[in-house]
Amino acid sequence: MKKVFLVRHGQTVWNSLGITQGKKDSSLSEQGIYEVKELTKVLSRGNIDIIYTSSLGRAKQTANIISSGINIPITEQEGEGLKEFDYGLWEGKTLDEIKAKYPDQLSLWLTDPENAKIPYGENILNAQDRIYKTILNIASSNKSKNVLIVSHSTMMKLFFIKLLNMNLNSMIKLKLSNCSISTMIFVNNQLILQKFNENVHRR
């Protein structure tokens, strides 16, 4: 029985400032680097066989620290599969700035994300489809391995919502901390969630 570990990247400078990232990027903060190093100490006992990462810089920076600490090579996922949700014109803005400029769209995003229209943003169902297919493909292609995947908060939430047959409106009720681990097992070609948003680096 092999496992899939889904990890959110470490805290970034923009995370610490409350700035929306999406496809735009920000490097890890000092706190983020520290947290990833602490997480790596735990992962060194997890018998990881392979690491996959989003191609966005903050995820690759997280994966590189982990890779150096546990001496496991990285596979950078090509294409959009593991990348963060595209927040369009909201990217680079704080929540207060988004509230001021896009109050109606933000209200709908928080209550009915499937019907929200973020200016120049990504369709949420398309995003959910790409992350779900990507993670399932990685898991099914590595059935004999323990796999670590580094990705992003919104996309991971969308993945778990689909995995558990939840409504998209549940997204606002899910919390994924920086450097958190969610653990799944792959059984009979299905992923089974064992642990969600485990913050082992803070113990």
N, C-alpha and C. Protein backbone atom coordinates (compact mmCIF):
# COMPACT_ATOMS: atom_id res chain seq x y z
N MET A 1 0.85 -1.19 0.00
CA MET A 1 0.00 0.00 0.00
C MET A 1 0.89 1.24 0.00
N LYS A 2 0.90 1.99 -1.11
CA LYS A 2 1.73 3.17 -1.24
C LYS A 2 0.94 4.43 -0.96
N LYS A 3 1.67 5.51 -0.67
CA LYS A 3 1.02 6.75 -0.26
C LYS A 3 1.34 7.90 -1.21
N VAL A 4 0.41 8.85 -1.23
CA VAL A 4 0.60 10.11 -1.94
C VAL A 4 0.52 11.23 -0.91
N PHE A 5 1.58 12.01 -0.81
CA PHE A 5 1.64 13.13 0.13
C PHE A 5 1.47 14.42 -0.68
N LEU A 6 0.42 15.17 -0.38
CA LEU A 6 0.16 16.43 -1.08
C LEU A 6 0.54 17.58 -0.14
N VAL A 7 1.53 18.36 -0.56
CA VAL A 7 2.10 19.42 0.28
C VAL A 7 1.84 20.78 -0.35
N ARG A 8 1.39 21.73 0.46
CA ARG A 8 1.31 23.12 0.00
C ARG A 8 2.68 23.76 0.18
N HIS A 9 3.06 24.61 -0.76
CA HIS A 9 4.35 25.29 -0.69
C HIS A 9 4.49 26.08 0.61
N GLY A 10 5.72 26.45 0.93
CA GLY A 10 5.99 27.24 2.13
C GLY A 10 5.48 28.67 2.01
N GLN A 11 5.42 29.34 3.15
CA GLN A 11 4.94 30.73 3.16
C GLN A 11 5.81 31.60 2.25
N THR A 12 5.15 32.45 1.44
CA THR A 12 5.86 33.38 0.58
C THR A 12 5.80 34.79 1.17
N VAL A 13 6.56 35.69 0.57
CA VAL A 13 6.50 37.09 0.97
C VAL A 13 5.09 37.62 0.77
N TRP A 14 4.48 37.29 -0.34
CA TRP A 14 3.11 37.75 -0.61
C TRP A 14 2.11 37.13 0.36
N ASN A 15 2.31 35.86 0.72
CA ASN A 15 1.44 35.25 1.73
C ASN A 15 1.47 36.06 3.01
N SER A 16 2.66 36.45 3.42
CA SER A 16 2.82 37.18 4.69
C SER A 16 2.19 38.56 4.63
N LEU A 17 2.02 39.10 3.42
CA LEU A 17 1.44 40.43 3.24
C LEU A 17 -0.04 40.37 2.85
N GLY A 18 -0.57 39.16 2.72
CA GLY A 18 -1.98 39.01 2.36
C GLY A 18 -2.28 39.37 0.92
N ILE A 19 -1.31 39.17 0.04
CA ILE A 19 -1.47 39.50 -1.38
C ILE A 19 -1.83 38.25 -2.16
N THR A 20 -2.83 38.35 -3.03
CA THR A 20 -3.27 37.23 -3.85
C THR A 20 -2.20 36.90 -4.89
N GLN A 21 -1.86 35.61 -4.99
CA GLN A 21 -0.78 35.20 -5.89
C GLN A 21 -1.30 34.62 -7.20
N GLY A 22 -1.97 33.48 -7.13
CA GLY A 22 -2.40 32.83 -8.36
C GLY A 22 -1.22 32.42 -9.22
N LYS A 23 -1.27 32.76 -10.51
CA LYS A 23 -0.17 32.40 -11.42
C LYS A 23 1.03 33.32 -11.25
N LYS A 24 0.81 34.52 -10.66
CA LYS A 24 1.95 35.37 -10.35
C LYS A 24 2.73 34.74 -9.20
N ASP A 25 3.99 35.14 -9.07
CA ASP A 25 4.83 34.43 -8.12
C ASP A 25 5.47 35.35 -7.10
N SER A 26 5.88 34.73 -6.01
CA SER A 26 6.58 35.41 -4.93
C SER A 26 7.48 34.37 -4.27
N SER A 27 8.69 34.76 -3.93
CA SER A 27 9.62 33.80 -3.33
C SER A 27 9.24 33.50 -1.89
N LEU A 28 9.76 32.41 -1.36
CA LEU A 28 9.50 32.05 0.03
C LEU A 28 10.07 33.11 0.97
N SER A 29 9.34 33.38 2.03
CA SER A 29 9.83 34.27 3.08
C SER A 29 10.83 33.52 3.95
N GLU A 30 11.48 34.23 4.85
CA GLU A 30 12.40 33.57 5.79
C GLU A 30 11.64 32.54 6.62
N GLN A 31 10.43 32.90 7.05
CA GLN A 31 9.60 31.97 7.80
C GLN A 31 9.25 30.76 6.95
N GLY A 32 8.95 30.99 5.67
CA GLY A 32 8.62 29.89 4.77
C GLY A 32 9.78 28.92 4.59
N ILE A 33 10.97 29.45 4.43
CA ILE A 33 12.16 28.60 4.28
C ILE A 33 12.38 27.77 5.54
N TYR A 34 12.22 28.42 6.69
CA TYR A 34 12.37 27.71 7.96
C TYR A 34 11.35 26.57 8.07
N GLU A 35 10.10 26.86 7.72
CA GLU A 35 9.05 25.84 7.82
C GLU A 35 9.31 24.67 6.89
N VAL A 36 9.78 24.95 5.68
CA VAL A 36 10.07 23.85 4.75
C VAL A 36 11.21 22.98 5.28
N LYS A 37 12.21 23.60 5.87
CA LYS A 37 13.32 22.82 6.44
C LYS A 37 12.84 21.95 7.59
N GLU A 38 11.94 22.48 8.41
CA GLU A 38 11.38 21.68 9.50
C GLU A 38 10.52 20.54 8.95
N LEU A 39 9.75 20.83 7.92
CA LEU A 39 8.94 19.79 7.27
C LEU A 39 9.83 18.69 6.69
N THR A 40 10.95 19.09 6.12
CA THR A 40 11.87 18.13 5.51
C THR A 40 12.40 17.13 6.53
N LYS A 41 12.61 17.57 7.76
CA LYS A 41 13.07 16.66 8.81
C LYS A 41 12.06 15.54 9.03
N VAL A 42 10.77 15.87 8.95
CA VAL A 42 9.72 14.87 9.11
C VAL A 42 9.66 13.97 7.89
N LEU A 43 9.75 14.58 6.71
CA LEU A 43 9.66 13.80 5.46
C LEU A 43 10.83 12.84 5.29
N SER A 44 11.95 13.14 5.93
CA SER A 44 13.12 12.26 5.81
C SER A 44 12.84 10.88 6.40
N ARG A 45 11.78 10.78 7.20
CA ARG A 45 11.42 9.48 7.80
C ARG A 45 10.25 8.81 7.04
N GLY A 46 9.82 9.43 5.92
CA GLY A 46 8.62 8.97 5.24
C GLY A 46 8.83 8.07 4.05
N ASN A 47 10.09 7.70 3.75
CA ASN A 47 10.37 6.81 2.62
C ASN A 47 9.79 7.32 1.31
N ILE A 48 10.01 8.63 1.02
CA ILE A 48 9.55 9.21 -0.23
C ILE A 48 10.40 8.65 -1.37
N ASP A 49 9.76 8.28 -2.47
CA ASP A 49 10.48 7.73 -3.63
C ASP A 49 10.64 8.75 -4.75
N ILE A 50 9.68 9.66 -4.90
CA ILE A 50 9.73 10.61 -6.01
C ILE A 50 8.98 11.88 -5.63
N ILE A 51 9.45 13.01 -6.13
CA ILE A 51 8.83 14.31 -5.86
C ILE A 51 8.35 14.93 -7.16
N TYR A 52 7.10 15.37 -7.17
CA TYR A 52 6.56 16.14 -8.29
C TYR A 52 6.25 17.54 -7.78
N THR A 53 6.44 18.53 -8.65
CA THR A 53 6.14 19.90 -8.23
C THR A 53 5.50 20.72 -9.34
N SER A 54 4.66 21.65 -8.93
CA SER A 54 4.19 22.70 -9.82
C SER A 54 5.41 23.45 -10.35
N SER A 55 5.27 24.00 -11.55
CA SER A 55 6.40 24.73 -12.14
C SER A 55 6.50 26.18 -11.68
N LEU A 56 5.57 26.63 -10.82
CA LEU A 56 5.68 27.98 -10.28
C LEU A 56 6.83 28.05 -9.27
N GLY A 57 7.49 29.20 -9.22
CA GLY A 57 8.72 29.34 -8.45
C GLY A 57 8.61 28.97 -7.00
N ARG A 58 7.52 29.38 -6.33
CA ARG A 58 7.39 29.13 -4.89
C ARG A 58 7.27 27.64 -4.59
N ALA A 59 6.62 26.90 -5.50
CA ALA A 59 6.51 25.45 -5.33
C ALA A 59 7.85 24.78 -5.61
N LYS A 60 8.53 25.23 -6.66
CA LYS A 60 9.84 24.65 -6.98
C LYS A 60 10.86 24.93 -5.88
N GLN A 61 10.80 26.13 -5.31
CA GLN A 61 11.71 26.45 -4.20
C GLN A 61 11.46 25.53 -3.02
N THR A 62 10.19 25.27 -2.73
CA THR A 62 9.82 24.33 -1.66
C THR A 62 10.32 22.94 -1.98
N ALA A 63 10.07 22.48 -3.20
CA ALA A 63 10.48 21.13 -3.60
C ALA A 63 12.00 20.97 -3.59
N ASN A 64 12.72 22.01 -3.98
CA ASN A 64 14.18 21.93 -4.01
C ASN A 64 14.77 21.79 -2.61
N ILE A 65 14.19 22.50 -1.65
CA ILE A 65 14.66 22.37 -0.27
C ILE A 65 14.41 20.95 0.24
N ILE A 66 13.21 20.44 -0.04
CA ILE A 66 12.88 19.07 0.38
C ILE A 66 13.80 18.07 -0.31
N SER A 67 13.98 18.24 -1.62
CA SER A 67 14.82 17.33 -2.39
C SER A 67 16.24 17.27 -1.85
N SER A 68 16.81 18.44 -1.53
CA SER A 68 18.17 18.48 -0.99
C SER A 68 18.26 17.80 0.36
N GLY A 69 17.18 17.92 1.15
CA GLY A 69 17.19 17.35 2.49
C GLY A 69 17.00 15.86 2.55
N ILE A 70 16.28 15.30 1.58
CA ILE A 70 16.02 13.85 1.61
C ILE A 70 16.66 13.11 0.44
N ASN A 71 17.41 13.87 -0.38
CA ASN A 71 18.17 13.29 -1.48
C ASN A 71 17.29 12.50 -2.46
N ILE A 72 16.17 13.11 -2.84
CA ILE A 72 15.25 12.50 -3.81
C ILE A 72 15.10 13.48 -4.97
N PRO A 73 15.22 13.00 -6.22
CA PRO A 73 15.11 13.91 -7.37
C PRO A 73 13.71 14.46 -7.56
N ILE A 74 13.63 15.59 -8.27
CA ILE A 74 12.36 16.27 -8.53
C ILE A 74 11.95 16.07 -9.98
N THR A 75 10.65 15.85 -10.18
CA THR A 75 10.06 15.89 -11.51
C THR A 75 9.16 17.12 -11.57
N GLU A 76 9.51 18.08 -12.41
CA GLU A 76 8.68 19.27 -12.57
C GLU A 76 7.53 18.94 -13.51
N GLN A 77 6.30 19.06 -13.03
CA GLN A 77 5.13 18.73 -13.83
C GLN A 77 4.98 19.73 -14.98
N GLU A 78 4.95 19.21 -16.18
CA GLU A 78 4.82 20.09 -17.34
C GLU A 78 3.38 20.59 -17.46
N GLY A 79 3.23 21.71 -18.15
CA GLY A 79 1.89 22.23 -18.39
C GLY A 79 1.29 22.89 -17.16
N GLU A 80 -0.03 22.99 -17.16
CA GLU A 80 -0.74 23.73 -16.13
C GLU A 80 -1.17 22.87 -14.94
N GLY A 81 -1.02 21.55 -15.06
CA GLY A 81 -1.62 20.60 -14.13
C GLY A 81 -1.58 20.94 -12.66
N LEU A 82 -0.41 21.24 -12.12
CA LEU A 82 -0.26 21.48 -10.69
C LEU A 82 -0.18 22.96 -10.32
N LYS A 83 -0.23 23.83 -11.33
CA LYS A 83 -0.13 25.26 -11.06
C LYS A 83 -1.34 25.78 -10.30
N GLU A 84 -1.15 26.91 -9.64
CA GLU A 84 -2.23 27.53 -8.88
C GLU A 84 -3.32 28.06 -9.81
N PHE A 85 -4.50 28.23 -9.24
CA PHE A 85 -5.64 28.83 -9.93
C PHE A 85 -5.27 30.22 -10.44
N ASP A 86 -5.73 30.55 -11.63
CA ASP A 86 -5.45 31.85 -12.22
C ASP A 86 -6.50 32.86 -11.73
N TYR A 87 -6.08 33.78 -10.86
CA TYR A 87 -6.99 34.77 -10.29
C TYR A 87 -7.11 36.05 -11.13
N GLY A 88 -6.61 36.03 -12.34
CA GLY A 88 -6.80 37.14 -13.25
C GLY A 88 -6.37 38.48 -12.67
N LEU A 89 -7.27 39.46 -12.74
CA LEU A 89 -6.94 40.82 -12.28
C LEU A 89 -6.86 40.96 -10.77
N TRP A 90 -7.23 39.89 -10.04
CA TRP A 90 -7.10 39.93 -8.58
C TRP A 90 -5.66 39.70 -8.14
N GLU A 91 -4.85 39.15 -9.00
CA GLU A 91 -3.48 38.80 -8.61
C GLU A 91 -2.66 40.06 -8.35
N GLY A 92 -1.88 40.01 -7.28
CA GLY A 92 -1.08 41.16 -6.88
C GLY A 92 -1.82 42.13 -6.00
N LYS A 93 -3.07 41.80 -5.64
CA LYS A 93 -3.89 42.69 -4.82
C LYS A 93 -4.21 42.04 -3.47
N THR A 94 -4.37 42.88 -2.45
CA THR A 94 -4.79 42.39 -1.14
C THR A 94 -6.31 42.17 -1.15
N LEU A 95 -6.80 41.50 -0.13
CA LEU A 95 -8.24 41.27 -0.02
C LEU A 95 -9.00 42.59 0.07
N ASP A 96 -8.45 43.55 0.81
CA ASP A 96 -9.11 44.86 0.93
C ASP A 96 -9.20 45.55 -0.43
N GLU A 97 -8.16 45.43 -1.22
CA GLU A 97 -8.17 46.04 -2.56
C GLU A 97 -9.18 45.36 -3.47
N ILE A 98 -9.29 44.05 -3.36
CA ILE A 98 -10.27 43.31 -4.15
C ILE A 98 -11.68 43.68 -3.72
N LYS A 99 -11.90 43.78 -2.40
CA LYS A 99 -13.21 44.19 -1.88
C LYS A 99 -13.63 45.55 -2.42
N ALA A 100 -12.67 46.47 -2.45
CA ALA A 100 -12.97 47.84 -2.88
C ALA A 100 -13.29 47.91 -4.36
N LYS A 101 -12.59 47.12 -5.18
CA LYS A 101 -12.73 47.25 -6.64
C LYS A 101 -13.72 46.26 -7.24
N TYR A 102 -13.83 45.07 -6.61
CA TYR A 102 -14.68 44.02 -7.17
C TYR A 102 -15.61 43.44 -6.09
N PRO A 103 -16.40 44.26 -5.42
CA PRO A 103 -17.18 43.77 -4.28
C PRO A 103 -18.20 42.68 -4.65
N ASP A 104 -18.89 42.84 -5.77
CA ASP A 104 -19.92 41.87 -6.16
C ASP A 104 -19.30 40.54 -6.56
N GLN A 105 -18.21 40.62 -7.34
CA GLN A 105 -17.54 39.38 -7.77
C GLN A 105 -16.95 38.63 -6.58
N LEU A 106 -16.37 39.38 -5.63
CA LEU A 106 -15.78 38.74 -4.45
C LEU A 106 -16.86 38.08 -3.61
N SER A 107 -17.98 38.76 -3.41
CA SER A 107 -19.08 38.19 -2.63
C SER A 107 -19.56 36.89 -3.24
N LEU A 108 -19.68 36.86 -4.56
CA LEU A 108 -20.12 35.64 -5.24
C LEU A 108 -19.07 34.54 -5.14
N TRP A 109 -17.79 34.92 -5.25
CA TRP A 109 -16.70 33.94 -5.12
C TRP A 109 -16.73 33.25 -3.75
N LEU A 110 -17.07 33.99 -2.73
CA LEU A 110 -17.08 33.45 -1.37
C LEU A 110 -18.33 32.62 -1.06
N THR A 111 -19.39 32.81 -1.83
CA THR A 111 -20.65 32.12 -1.56
C THR A 111 -21.07 31.12 -2.64
N ASP A 112 -20.68 31.40 -3.87
CA ASP A 112 -21.08 30.56 -5.00
C ASP A 112 -19.98 30.59 -6.06
N PRO A 113 -18.80 30.02 -5.75
CA PRO A 113 -17.64 30.15 -6.63
C PRO A 113 -17.85 29.62 -8.05
N GLU A 114 -18.74 28.64 -8.20
CA GLU A 114 -18.96 28.08 -9.53
C GLU A 114 -19.51 29.13 -10.50
N ASN A 115 -20.24 30.09 -9.97
CA ASN A 115 -20.85 31.12 -10.82
C ASN A 115 -20.16 32.47 -10.74
N ALA A 116 -19.07 32.53 -9.99
CA ALA A 116 -18.32 33.78 -9.89
C ALA A 116 -17.49 34.01 -11.15
N LYS A 117 -17.38 35.25 -11.55
CA LYS A 117 -16.62 35.61 -12.74
C LYS A 117 -15.49 36.56 -12.32
N ILE A 118 -14.31 36.02 -12.09
CA ILE A 118 -13.16 36.84 -11.76
C ILE A 118 -12.63 37.44 -13.07
N PRO A 119 -12.47 38.75 -13.16
CA PRO A 119 -12.02 39.37 -14.41
C PRO A 119 -10.72 38.74 -14.92
N TYR A 120 -10.79 38.15 -16.10
CA TYR A 120 -9.66 37.48 -16.75
C TYR A 120 -9.15 36.29 -15.94
N GLY A 121 -9.96 35.80 -15.04
CA GLY A 121 -9.57 34.65 -14.24
C GLY A 121 -9.97 33.33 -14.89
N GLU A 122 -9.58 32.27 -14.23
CA GLU A 122 -9.80 30.91 -14.75
C GLU A 122 -11.19 30.40 -14.40
N ASN A 123 -11.74 29.57 -15.25
CA ASN A 123 -13.00 28.89 -14.95
C ASN A 123 -12.74 27.83 -13.88
N ILE A 124 -13.49 27.87 -12.80
CA ILE A 124 -13.19 27.02 -11.65
C ILE A 124 -13.37 25.53 -11.95
N LEU A 125 -14.34 25.19 -12.80
CA LEU A 125 -14.55 23.79 -13.14
C LEU A 125 -13.41 23.26 -14.00
N ASN A 126 -12.90 24.10 -14.89
CA ASN A 126 -11.74 23.71 -15.69
C ASN A 126 -10.52 23.50 -14.81
N ALA A 127 -10.35 24.39 -13.83
CA ALA A 127 -9.22 24.26 -12.91
C ALA A 127 -9.32 22.98 -12.09
N GLN A 128 -10.51 22.69 -11.60
CA GLN A 128 -10.72 21.48 -10.82
C GLN A 128 -10.45 20.23 -11.65
N ASP A 129 -10.86 20.26 -12.89
CA ASP A 129 -10.65 19.12 -13.78
C ASP A 129 -9.18 18.87 -14.02
N ARG A 130 -8.41 19.95 -14.23
CA ARG A 130 -6.98 19.76 -14.53
C ARG A 130 -6.21 19.24 -13.33
N ILE A 131 -6.50 19.74 -12.13
CA ILE A 131 -5.75 19.27 -10.97
C ILE A 131 -6.14 17.84 -10.61
N TYR A 132 -7.41 17.51 -10.76
CA TYR A 132 -7.87 16.17 -10.42
C TYR A 132 -7.24 15.14 -11.36
N LYS A 133 -7.28 15.41 -12.64
CA LYS A 133 -6.70 14.49 -13.62
C LYS A 133 -5.19 14.36 -13.44
N THR A 134 -4.54 15.46 -13.14
CA THR A 134 -3.08 15.44 -12.98
C THR A 134 -2.66 14.59 -11.79
N ILE A 135 -3.29 14.79 -10.64
CA ILE A 135 -2.90 14.03 -9.45
C ILE A 135 -3.24 12.56 -9.61
N LEU A 136 -4.40 12.26 -10.17
CA LEU A 136 -4.75 10.86 -10.40
C LEU A 136 -3.77 10.19 -11.36
N ASN A 137 -3.35 10.92 -12.37
CA ASN A 137 -2.39 10.36 -13.32
C ASN A 137 -1.04 10.11 -12.67
N ILE A 138 -0.59 11.04 -11.84
CA ILE A 138 0.67 10.85 -11.12
C ILE A 138 0.59 9.63 -10.21
N ALA A 139 -0.52 9.52 -9.48
CA ALA A 139 -0.69 8.38 -8.55
C ALA A 139 -0.73 7.06 -9.30
N SER A 140 -1.49 6.99 -10.38
CA SER A 140 -1.64 5.73 -11.12
C SER A 140 -0.37 5.35 -11.86
N SER A 141 0.47 6.34 -12.17
CA SER A 141 1.73 6.07 -12.87
C SER A 141 2.85 5.67 -11.91
N ASN A 142 2.59 5.78 -10.62
CA ASN A 142 3.62 5.47 -9.61
C ASN A 142 3.05 4.59 -8.51
N LYS A 143 2.35 3.53 -8.91
CA LYS A 143 1.64 2.70 -7.94
C LYS A 143 2.56 2.03 -6.93
N SER A 144 3.80 1.81 -7.30
CA SER A 144 4.73 1.12 -6.41
C SER A 144 5.59 2.07 -5.60
N LYS A 145 5.27 3.38 -5.67
CA LYS A 145 6.12 4.38 -5.02
C LYS A 145 5.33 5.25 -4.05
N ASN A 146 6.04 5.78 -3.06
CA ASN A 146 5.49 6.83 -2.21
C ASN A 146 5.80 8.17 -2.88
N VAL A 147 4.77 8.91 -3.21
CA VAL A 147 4.91 10.11 -4.03
C VAL A 147 4.63 11.36 -3.21
N LEU A 148 5.48 12.37 -3.36
CA LEU A 148 5.27 13.67 -2.76
C LEU A 148 4.96 14.67 -3.87
N ILE A 149 3.86 15.41 -3.73
CA ILE A 149 3.46 16.41 -4.72
C ILE A 149 3.38 17.77 -4.05
N VAL A 150 4.07 18.76 -4.61
CA VAL A 150 4.03 20.13 -4.08
C VAL A 150 3.15 20.98 -4.99
N SER A 151 2.10 21.56 -4.41
CA SER A 151 1.18 22.36 -5.20
C SER A 151 0.70 23.57 -4.40
N HIS A 152 -0.54 24.00 -4.63
CA HIS A 152 -1.03 25.28 -4.15
C HIS A 152 -2.40 25.16 -3.49
N SER A 153 -2.72 26.12 -2.64
CA SER A 153 -3.89 26.05 -1.77
C SER A 153 -5.21 25.88 -2.51
N THR A 154 -5.54 26.81 -3.40
CA THR A 154 -6.84 26.73 -4.07
C THR A 154 -6.97 25.45 -4.87
N MET A 155 -5.92 25.09 -5.59
CA MET A 155 -5.99 23.88 -6.43
C MET A 155 -6.12 22.62 -5.58
N MET A 156 -5.43 22.57 -4.46
CA MET A 156 -5.54 21.41 -3.59
C MET A 156 -6.95 21.30 -3.01
N LYS A 157 -7.54 22.45 -2.65
CA LYS A 157 -8.92 22.43 -2.15
C LYS A 157 -9.86 21.89 -3.22
N LEU A 158 -9.69 22.36 -4.45
CA LEU A 158 -10.54 21.89 -5.55
C LEU A 158 -10.38 20.39 -5.76
N PHE A 159 -9.17 19.91 -5.62
CA PHE A 159 -8.93 18.47 -5.77
C PHE A 159 -9.67 17.68 -4.70
N PHE A 160 -9.53 18.09 -3.44
CA PHE A 160 -10.17 17.33 -2.35
C PHE A 160 -11.70 17.41 -2.43
N ILE A 161 -12.21 18.55 -2.86
CA ILE A 161 -13.66 18.67 -3.01
C ILE A 161 -14.19 17.65 -4.02
N LYS A 162 -13.48 17.50 -5.12
CA LYS A 162 -13.90 16.52 -6.13
C LYS A 162 -13.68 15.09 -5.63
N LEU A 163 -12.55 14.85 -4.97
CA LEU A 163 -12.25 13.51 -4.47
C LEU A 163 -13.34 13.04 -3.50
N LEU A 164 -13.83 13.95 -2.68
CA LEU A 164 -14.81 13.61 -1.64
C LEU A 164 -16.25 13.90 -2.05
N ASN A 165 -16.44 14.24 -3.32
CA ASN A 165 -17.80 14.52 -3.84
C ASN A 165 -18.50 15.61 -3.06
N MET A 166 -17.76 16.65 -2.71
CA MET A 166 -18.31 17.79 -1.99
C MET A 166 -18.78 18.86 -2.97
N ASN A 167 -19.57 19.79 -2.47
CA ASN A 167 -20.02 20.92 -3.27
C ASN A 167 -18.93 21.99 -3.31
N LEU A 168 -18.82 22.68 -4.44
CA LEU A 168 -17.80 23.71 -4.55
C LEU A 168 -17.97 24.82 -3.52
N ASN A 169 -19.18 25.00 -3.05
CA ASN A 169 -19.42 26.02 -2.02
C ASN A 169 -18.68 25.70 -0.72
N SER A 170 -18.21 24.45 -0.60
CA SER A 170 -17.47 24.04 0.60
C SER A 170 -16.05 24.59 0.63
N MET A 171 -15.58 25.14 -0.48
CA MET A 171 -14.19 25.56 -0.58
C MET A 171 -13.80 26.56 0.52
N ILE A 172 -14.68 27.49 0.83
CA ILE A 172 -14.39 28.51 1.83
C ILE A 172 -14.25 27.91 3.23
N LYS A 173 -14.76 26.68 3.41
CA LYS A 173 -14.72 26.02 4.72
C LYS A 173 -13.48 25.16 4.91
N LEU A 174 -12.65 25.06 3.88
CA LEU A 174 -11.44 24.26 3.96
C LEU A 174 -10.22 25.15 4.19
N LYS A 175 -9.32 24.70 5.04
CA LYS A 175 -8.11 25.44 5.35
C LYS A 175 -6.90 24.57 5.03
N LEU A 176 -6.00 25.11 4.22
CA LEU A 176 -4.74 24.43 3.92
C LEU A 176 -3.59 25.38 4.26
N SER A 177 -2.88 25.07 5.31
CA SER A 177 -1.79 25.93 5.77
C SER A 177 -0.56 25.76 4.89
N ASN A 178 0.28 26.79 4.88
CA ASN A 178 1.57 26.64 4.21
C ASN A 178 2.34 25.48 4.82
N CYS A 179 2.93 24.67 3.97
CA CYS A 179 3.74 23.52 4.39
C CYS A 179 2.92 22.39 5.01
N SER A 180 1.62 22.45 4.92
CA SER A 180 0.81 21.35 5.45
C SER A 180 0.93 20.12 4.55
N ILE A 181 0.70 18.95 5.14
CA ILE A 181 0.69 17.68 4.40
C ILE A 181 -0.69 17.06 4.49
N SER A 182 -1.20 16.63 3.36
CA SER A 182 -2.41 15.81 3.33
C SER A 182 -2.01 14.46 2.73
N THR A 183 -2.37 13.39 3.40
CA THR A 183 -1.89 12.06 3.03
C THR A 183 -3.02 11.20 2.49
N MET A 184 -2.73 10.52 1.37
CA MET A 184 -3.69 9.60 0.76
C MET A 184 -3.02 8.27 0.49
N ILE A 185 -3.82 7.22 0.47
CA ILE A 185 -3.33 5.92 0.03
C ILE A 185 -4.00 5.58 -1.29
N PHE A 186 -3.30 4.82 -2.12
CA PHE A 186 -3.82 4.45 -3.43
C PHE A 186 -4.23 2.97 -3.38
N VAL A 187 -5.54 2.73 -3.41
CA VAL A 187 -6.07 1.37 -3.28
C VAL A 187 -7.06 1.10 -4.40
N ASN A 188 -6.87 -0.01 -5.11
CA ASN A 188 -7.78 -0.39 -6.20
C ASN A 188 -8.05 0.78 -7.15
N ASN A 189 -6.95 1.44 -7.54
CA ASN A 189 -7.02 2.58 -8.47
C ASN A 189 -7.84 3.75 -7.94
N GLN A 190 -7.94 3.85 -6.63
CA GLN A 190 -8.63 4.98 -6.01
C GLN A 190 -7.75 5.60 -4.93
N LEU A 191 -7.84 6.91 -4.82
CA LEU A 191 -7.14 7.60 -3.75
C LEU A 191 -8.07 7.73 -2.55
N ILE A 192 -7.57 7.34 -1.38
CA ILE A 192 -8.33 7.39 -0.14
C ILE A 192 -7.64 8.38 0.80
N LEU A 193 -8.36 9.40 1.23
CA LEU A 193 -7.78 10.41 2.11
C LEU A 193 -7.62 9.87 3.52
N GLN A 194 -6.40 9.97 4.05
CA GLN A 194 -6.12 9.53 5.41
C GLN A 194 -5.98 10.70 6.38
N LYS A 195 -5.23 11.73 5.96
CA LYS A 195 -4.99 12.89 6.82
C LYS A 195 -5.08 14.16 5.98
N PHE A 196 -5.63 15.22 6.59
CA PHE A 196 -5.84 16.47 5.87
C PHE A 196 -5.22 17.63 6.63
N ASN A 197 -4.43 18.45 5.93
CA ASN A 197 -3.86 19.68 6.49
C ASN A 197 -3.10 19.42 7.80
N GLU A 198 -2.25 18.43 7.77
CA GLU A 198 -1.44 18.10 8.95
C GLU A 198 -0.22 19.02 8.99
N ASN A 199 -0.07 19.73 10.09
CA ASN A 199 1.02 20.71 10.22
C ASN A 199 2.17 20.14 11.05
N VAL A 200 2.81 19.14 10.51
CA VAL A 200 3.85 18.43 11.26
C VAL A 200 5.08 19.29 11.51
N HIS A 201 5.30 20.31 10.68
CA HIS A 201 6.49 21.16 10.82
C HIS A 201 6.39 22.09 12.02
N ARG A 202 5.20 22.19 12.61
CA ARG A 202 5.01 23.12 13.74
C ARG A 202 5.03 22.41 15.08
N ARG A 203 5.32 21.15 15.08
CA ARG A 203 5.32 20.42 16.35
C ARG A 203 6.63 20.63 17.09
